[in-house]
């Protein structure tokens, strides 16, 4: 059993505020991201990940986000087994206090 790399919502917010370019993928459902997501994130629903592997870069560290950190941890475990460099944002969007926008505005 491997240990999934983790990052806190505060660390993500700090990196974005410092101008760092992060690979962020929000795996929540459509209605959840319409309520607000990190503007720099890409939205790929959790159930669509297996069909979208070609959209992910194995060489780039990618941070996965969900509502509370559970679904994104499952996605990280799945992708880690496929050779991807993944990080789970612990606490998910429930703990994120930075800027968010409805997906329709991004």
N, C-alpha and C. Protein backbone atom coordinates (compact mmCIF):
# COMPACT_ATOMS: atom_id res chain seq x y z
N UNK A 1 0.84 -1.19 0.00
CA UNK A 1 0.00 0.00 0.00
C UNK A 1 0.88 1.25 0.00
N UNK A 2 0.64 2.11 -0.93
CA UNK A 2 1.41 3.35 -1.01
C UNK A 2 0.66 4.43 -0.25
N UNK A 3 1.39 5.48 0.06
CA UNK A 3 0.76 6.62 0.73
C UNK A 3 0.54 7.72 -0.31
N UNK A 4 -0.70 8.18 -0.42
CA UNK A 4 -1.04 9.23 -1.38
C UNK A 4 -0.45 10.55 -0.90
N UNK A 5 0.22 11.26 -1.81
CA UNK A 5 0.71 12.60 -1.46
C UNK A 5 -0.50 13.50 -1.23
N UNK A 6 -0.36 14.39 -0.26
CA UNK A 6 -1.47 15.29 0.08
C UNK A 6 -1.00 16.74 0.10
N UNK A 7 -1.96 17.62 -0.14
CA UNK A 7 -1.73 19.05 -0.03
C UNK A 7 -2.97 19.64 0.62
N UNK A 8 -2.77 20.64 1.45
CA UNK A 8 -3.92 21.26 2.13
C UNK A 8 -4.54 22.32 1.22
N UNK A 9 -5.82 22.63 1.43
CA UNK A 9 -6.44 23.71 0.67
C UNK A 9 -5.70 25.04 0.85
N UNK A 10 -5.17 25.27 2.04
CA UNK A 10 -4.42 26.51 2.30
C UNK A 10 -3.15 26.56 1.44
N UNK A 11 -2.47 25.42 1.31
CA UNK A 11 -1.25 25.37 0.48
C UNK A 11 -1.59 25.63 -0.99
N UNK A 12 -2.69 25.04 -1.46
CA UNK A 12 -3.11 25.27 -2.85
C UNK A 12 -3.40 26.75 -3.06
N UNK A 13 -4.16 27.34 -2.15
CA UNK A 13 -4.51 28.76 -2.26
C UNK A 13 -3.26 29.63 -2.26
N UNK A 14 -2.31 29.33 -1.38
CA UNK A 14 -1.08 30.10 -1.29
C UNK A 14 -0.27 30.01 -2.59
N UNK A 15 -0.16 28.80 -3.13
CA UNK A 15 0.57 28.62 -4.38
C UNK A 15 -0.08 29.40 -5.52
N UNK A 16 -1.41 29.36 -5.59
CA UNK A 16 -2.11 30.10 -6.65
C UNK A 16 -1.92 31.61 -6.48
N UNK A 17 -2.00 32.08 -5.24
CA UNK A 17 -1.81 33.51 -4.97
C UNK A 17 -0.40 33.97 -5.30
N UNK A 18 0.57 33.05 -5.22
CA UNK A 18 1.96 33.36 -5.55
C UNK A 18 2.24 33.20 -7.05
N UNK A 19 1.20 32.90 -7.81
CA UNK A 19 1.34 32.82 -9.25
C UNK A 19 1.85 31.49 -9.78
N UNK A 20 1.92 30.47 -8.93
CA UNK A 20 2.37 29.16 -9.41
C UNK A 20 1.33 28.56 -10.33
N UNK A 21 1.80 27.89 -11.38
CA UNK A 21 0.90 27.20 -12.29
C UNK A 21 0.74 25.78 -11.79
N UNK A 22 -0.46 25.44 -11.39
CA UNK A 22 -0.75 24.10 -10.86
C UNK A 22 -1.67 23.35 -11.81
N UNK A 23 -1.48 22.05 -11.87
CA UNK A 23 -2.42 21.19 -12.57
C UNK A 23 -3.48 20.78 -11.55
N UNK A 24 -4.69 21.33 -11.68
CA UNK A 24 -5.77 21.05 -10.75
C UNK A 24 -6.92 20.41 -11.51
N UNK A 25 -7.43 19.30 -10.97
CA UNK A 25 -8.59 18.66 -11.58
C UNK A 25 -9.64 18.44 -10.50
N UNK A 26 -10.82 18.99 -10.76
CA UNK A 26 -11.97 18.87 -9.85
C UNK A 26 -12.81 17.70 -10.34
N UNK A 27 -13.00 16.69 -9.50
CA UNK A 27 -13.69 15.46 -9.91
C UNK A 27 -15.14 15.40 -9.43
N UNK A 28 -15.67 16.54 -8.95
CA UNK A 28 -17.05 16.55 -8.46
C UNK A 28 -18.05 16.50 -9.62
N UNK A 29 -19.31 16.34 -9.26
CA UNK A 29 -20.39 16.29 -10.25
C UNK A 29 -20.71 17.70 -10.75
N UNK A 30 -21.44 17.76 -11.86
CA UNK A 30 -21.75 19.04 -12.52
C UNK A 30 -22.41 20.04 -11.58
N UNK A 31 -23.40 19.61 -10.81
CA UNK A 31 -24.10 20.55 -9.94
C UNK A 31 -23.18 21.08 -8.83
N UNK A 32 -22.23 20.27 -8.40
CA UNK A 32 -21.30 20.70 -7.36
C UNK A 32 -20.35 21.78 -7.89
N UNK A 33 -19.82 21.61 -9.09
CA UNK A 33 -18.89 22.62 -9.62
C UNK A 33 -19.63 23.88 -10.03
N UNK A 34 -20.91 23.77 -10.36
CA UNK A 34 -21.68 24.97 -10.69
C UNK A 34 -21.85 25.85 -9.45
N UNK A 35 -21.80 25.24 -8.27
CA UNK A 35 -21.90 25.99 -7.02
C UNK A 35 -20.59 26.74 -6.73
N UNK A 36 -19.51 26.35 -7.40
CA UNK A 36 -18.24 27.04 -7.25
C UNK A 36 -17.06 26.10 -7.29
N UNK A 37 -16.08 26.46 -8.13
CA UNK A 37 -14.85 25.68 -8.22
C UNK A 37 -13.67 26.64 -8.33
N UNK A 38 -12.48 26.14 -8.12
CA UNK A 38 -11.28 26.96 -8.27
C UNK A 38 -11.14 27.30 -9.75
N UNK A 39 -11.06 28.59 -10.10
CA UNK A 39 -11.06 28.99 -11.51
C UNK A 39 -9.96 28.34 -12.35
N UNK A 40 -8.81 28.03 -11.74
CA UNK A 40 -7.69 27.44 -12.49
C UNK A 40 -7.87 25.94 -12.70
N UNK A 41 -8.87 25.34 -12.08
CA UNK A 41 -9.06 23.89 -12.17
C UNK A 41 -9.79 23.48 -13.45
N UNK A 42 -9.51 22.26 -13.85
CA UNK A 42 -10.22 21.64 -14.96
C UNK A 42 -11.24 20.69 -14.34
N UNK A 43 -12.42 20.59 -14.92
CA UNK A 43 -13.46 19.72 -14.38
C UNK A 43 -13.53 18.42 -15.18
N UNK A 44 -13.25 17.32 -14.52
CA UNK A 44 -13.47 15.98 -15.08
C UNK A 44 -14.16 15.17 -13.99
N UNK A 45 -15.42 14.82 -14.21
CA UNK A 45 -16.15 14.03 -13.20
C UNK A 45 -15.40 12.73 -12.88
N UNK A 46 -15.48 12.31 -11.63
CA UNK A 46 -14.78 11.11 -11.18
C UNK A 46 -15.05 9.92 -12.10
N UNK A 47 -16.31 9.70 -12.44
CA UNK A 47 -16.66 8.54 -13.26
C UNK A 47 -16.15 8.63 -14.69
N UNK A 48 -15.73 9.85 -15.11
CA UNK A 48 -15.21 10.03 -16.47
C UNK A 48 -13.69 9.87 -16.55
N UNK A 49 -13.02 9.81 -15.41
CA UNK A 49 -11.56 9.74 -15.39
C UNK A 49 -11.02 8.58 -16.24
N UNK A 50 -11.54 7.34 -16.09
CA UNK A 50 -10.96 6.25 -16.90
C UNK A 50 -11.00 6.51 -18.40
N UNK A 51 -12.01 7.24 -18.88
CA UNK A 51 -12.12 7.53 -20.31
C UNK A 51 -11.31 8.76 -20.72
N UNK A 52 -10.75 9.48 -19.78
CA UNK A 52 -10.05 10.74 -20.07
C UNK A 52 -8.56 10.67 -19.74
N UNK A 53 -8.01 9.48 -19.61
CA UNK A 53 -6.60 9.36 -19.24
C UNK A 53 -5.69 10.06 -20.22
N UNK A 54 -6.09 10.12 -21.49
CA UNK A 54 -5.26 10.77 -22.50
C UNK A 54 -5.20 12.29 -22.31
N UNK A 55 -6.08 12.85 -21.48
CA UNK A 55 -6.07 14.29 -21.20
C UNK A 55 -5.16 14.63 -20.02
N UNK A 56 -4.61 13.61 -19.37
CA UNK A 56 -3.76 13.80 -18.20
C UNK A 56 -2.30 13.55 -18.57
N UNK A 57 -1.40 14.32 -17.97
CA UNK A 57 0.02 14.20 -18.23
C UNK A 57 0.68 13.43 -17.09
N UNK A 58 1.21 12.24 -17.41
CA UNK A 58 1.84 11.41 -16.38
C UNK A 58 3.05 12.08 -15.75
N UNK A 59 3.68 12.97 -16.49
CA UNK A 59 4.92 13.59 -16.01
C UNK A 59 4.69 14.80 -15.12
N UNK A 60 3.49 15.35 -15.13
CA UNK A 60 3.19 16.54 -14.32
C UNK A 60 2.47 16.13 -13.04
N UNK A 61 2.87 16.76 -11.94
CA UNK A 61 2.16 16.54 -10.69
C UNK A 61 0.77 17.17 -10.82
N UNK A 62 -0.26 16.37 -10.57
CA UNK A 62 -1.63 16.83 -10.72
C UNK A 62 -2.34 16.72 -9.38
N UNK A 63 -2.99 17.81 -8.98
CA UNK A 63 -3.73 17.86 -7.71
C UNK A 63 -5.20 17.60 -8.01
N UNK A 64 -5.77 16.65 -7.30
CA UNK A 64 -7.17 16.29 -7.48
C UNK A 64 -8.00 16.81 -6.31
N UNK A 65 -9.20 17.29 -6.67
CA UNK A 65 -10.06 18.00 -5.72
C UNK A 65 -11.47 17.42 -5.80
N UNK A 66 -12.13 17.29 -4.64
CA UNK A 66 -13.55 16.95 -4.61
C UNK A 66 -14.19 17.76 -3.48
N UNK A 67 -15.33 17.33 -3.00
CA UNK A 67 -16.04 18.07 -1.97
C UNK A 67 -15.31 18.03 -0.63
N UNK A 68 -14.90 16.82 -0.21
CA UNK A 68 -14.30 16.69 1.12
C UNK A 68 -12.95 15.95 1.13
N UNK A 69 -12.52 15.45 -0.01
CA UNK A 69 -11.23 14.76 -0.09
C UNK A 69 -11.32 13.26 -0.29
N UNK A 70 -12.51 12.69 -0.16
CA UNK A 70 -12.67 11.23 -0.29
C UNK A 70 -12.64 10.74 -1.73
N UNK A 71 -13.46 11.33 -2.57
CA UNK A 71 -13.49 10.91 -3.98
C UNK A 71 -12.15 11.18 -4.67
N UNK A 72 -11.57 12.35 -4.36
CA UNK A 72 -10.29 12.67 -4.99
C UNK A 72 -9.20 11.70 -4.52
N UNK A 73 -9.27 11.23 -3.28
CA UNK A 73 -8.31 10.23 -2.80
C UNK A 73 -8.47 8.92 -3.58
N UNK A 74 -9.71 8.54 -3.87
CA UNK A 74 -9.94 7.33 -4.66
C UNK A 74 -9.40 7.48 -6.08
N UNK A 75 -9.60 8.66 -6.67
CA UNK A 75 -9.07 8.93 -8.01
C UNK A 75 -7.54 8.87 -7.98
N UNK A 76 -6.94 9.45 -6.94
CA UNK A 76 -5.48 9.42 -6.81
C UNK A 76 -4.96 7.97 -6.73
N UNK A 77 -5.62 7.14 -5.96
CA UNK A 77 -5.20 5.74 -5.83
C UNK A 77 -5.28 5.04 -7.19
N UNK A 78 -6.37 5.26 -7.91
CA UNK A 78 -6.58 4.65 -9.23
C UNK A 78 -5.48 5.11 -10.20
N UNK A 79 -5.23 6.41 -10.24
CA UNK A 79 -4.26 6.95 -11.20
C UNK A 79 -2.82 6.63 -10.79
N UNK A 80 -2.55 6.57 -9.50
CA UNK A 80 -1.22 6.18 -9.04
C UNK A 80 -0.88 4.79 -9.57
N UNK A 81 -1.85 3.88 -9.52
CA UNK A 81 -1.65 2.52 -10.03
C UNK A 81 -1.37 2.50 -11.52
N UNK A 82 -1.77 3.55 -12.22
CA UNK A 82 -1.55 3.66 -13.66
C UNK A 82 -0.31 4.49 -13.99
N UNK A 83 0.45 4.87 -12.96
CA UNK A 83 1.72 5.55 -13.19
C UNK A 83 1.67 7.06 -13.20
N UNK A 84 0.57 7.65 -12.73
CA UNK A 84 0.45 9.11 -12.72
C UNK A 84 1.02 9.69 -11.42
N UNK A 85 1.49 10.95 -11.50
CA UNK A 85 2.03 11.69 -10.36
C UNK A 85 0.89 12.51 -9.77
N UNK A 86 0.27 12.00 -8.71
CA UNK A 86 -0.97 12.56 -8.18
C UNK A 86 -0.83 13.07 -6.74
N UNK A 87 -1.65 14.07 -6.43
CA UNK A 87 -1.70 14.65 -5.08
C UNK A 87 -3.18 14.88 -4.75
N UNK A 88 -3.57 14.54 -3.53
CA UNK A 88 -4.95 14.75 -3.09
C UNK A 88 -5.03 16.03 -2.25
N UNK A 89 -6.01 16.89 -2.58
CA UNK A 89 -6.25 18.07 -1.73
C UNK A 89 -7.15 17.64 -0.57
N UNK A 90 -6.55 17.56 0.60
CA UNK A 90 -7.28 17.12 1.79
C UNK A 90 -8.35 18.13 2.17
N UNK A 91 -9.46 17.64 2.66
CA UNK A 91 -10.54 18.54 3.08
C UNK A 91 -11.41 19.04 1.96
N UNK A 92 -10.92 18.92 0.73
CA UNK A 92 -11.70 19.30 -0.44
C UNK A 92 -12.18 20.74 -0.43
N UNK A 93 -13.20 20.97 -1.24
CA UNK A 93 -13.74 22.32 -1.39
C UNK A 93 -14.45 22.81 -0.12
N UNK A 94 -14.84 21.90 0.75
CA UNK A 94 -15.43 22.32 2.02
C UNK A 94 -14.44 23.12 2.84
N UNK A 95 -13.14 22.86 2.66
CA UNK A 95 -12.10 23.54 3.43
C UNK A 95 -11.40 24.65 2.66
N UNK A 96 -11.73 24.81 1.39
CA UNK A 96 -11.04 25.80 0.56
C UNK A 96 -11.69 27.17 0.75
N UNK A 97 -10.87 28.18 1.06
CA UNK A 97 -11.42 29.52 1.31
C UNK A 97 -11.01 30.53 0.24
N UNK A 98 -10.29 30.06 -0.78
CA UNK A 98 -9.86 30.97 -1.84
C UNK A 98 -10.99 31.28 -2.82
N UNK A 99 -10.60 31.96 -3.90
CA UNK A 99 -11.57 32.36 -4.93
C UNK A 99 -12.20 31.14 -5.60
N UNK A 100 -13.50 31.20 -5.79
CA UNK A 100 -14.21 30.18 -6.56
C UNK A 100 -15.18 30.87 -7.51
N UNK A 101 -15.50 30.18 -8.58
CA UNK A 101 -16.48 30.67 -9.54
C UNK A 101 -17.33 29.51 -10.01
N UNK A 102 -18.59 29.77 -10.37
CA UNK A 102 -19.38 28.71 -10.99
C UNK A 102 -18.70 28.26 -12.28
N UNK A 103 -18.79 26.99 -12.59
CA UNK A 103 -18.14 26.48 -13.80
C UNK A 103 -18.57 27.25 -15.03
N UNK A 104 -19.82 27.67 -15.08
CA UNK A 104 -20.34 28.38 -16.26
C UNK A 104 -19.66 29.73 -16.47
N UNK A 105 -18.98 30.25 -15.45
CA UNK A 105 -18.29 31.54 -15.57
C UNK A 105 -16.80 31.40 -15.85
N UNK A 106 -16.34 30.17 -15.93
CA UNK A 106 -14.90 29.95 -16.12
C UNK A 106 -14.60 29.74 -17.60
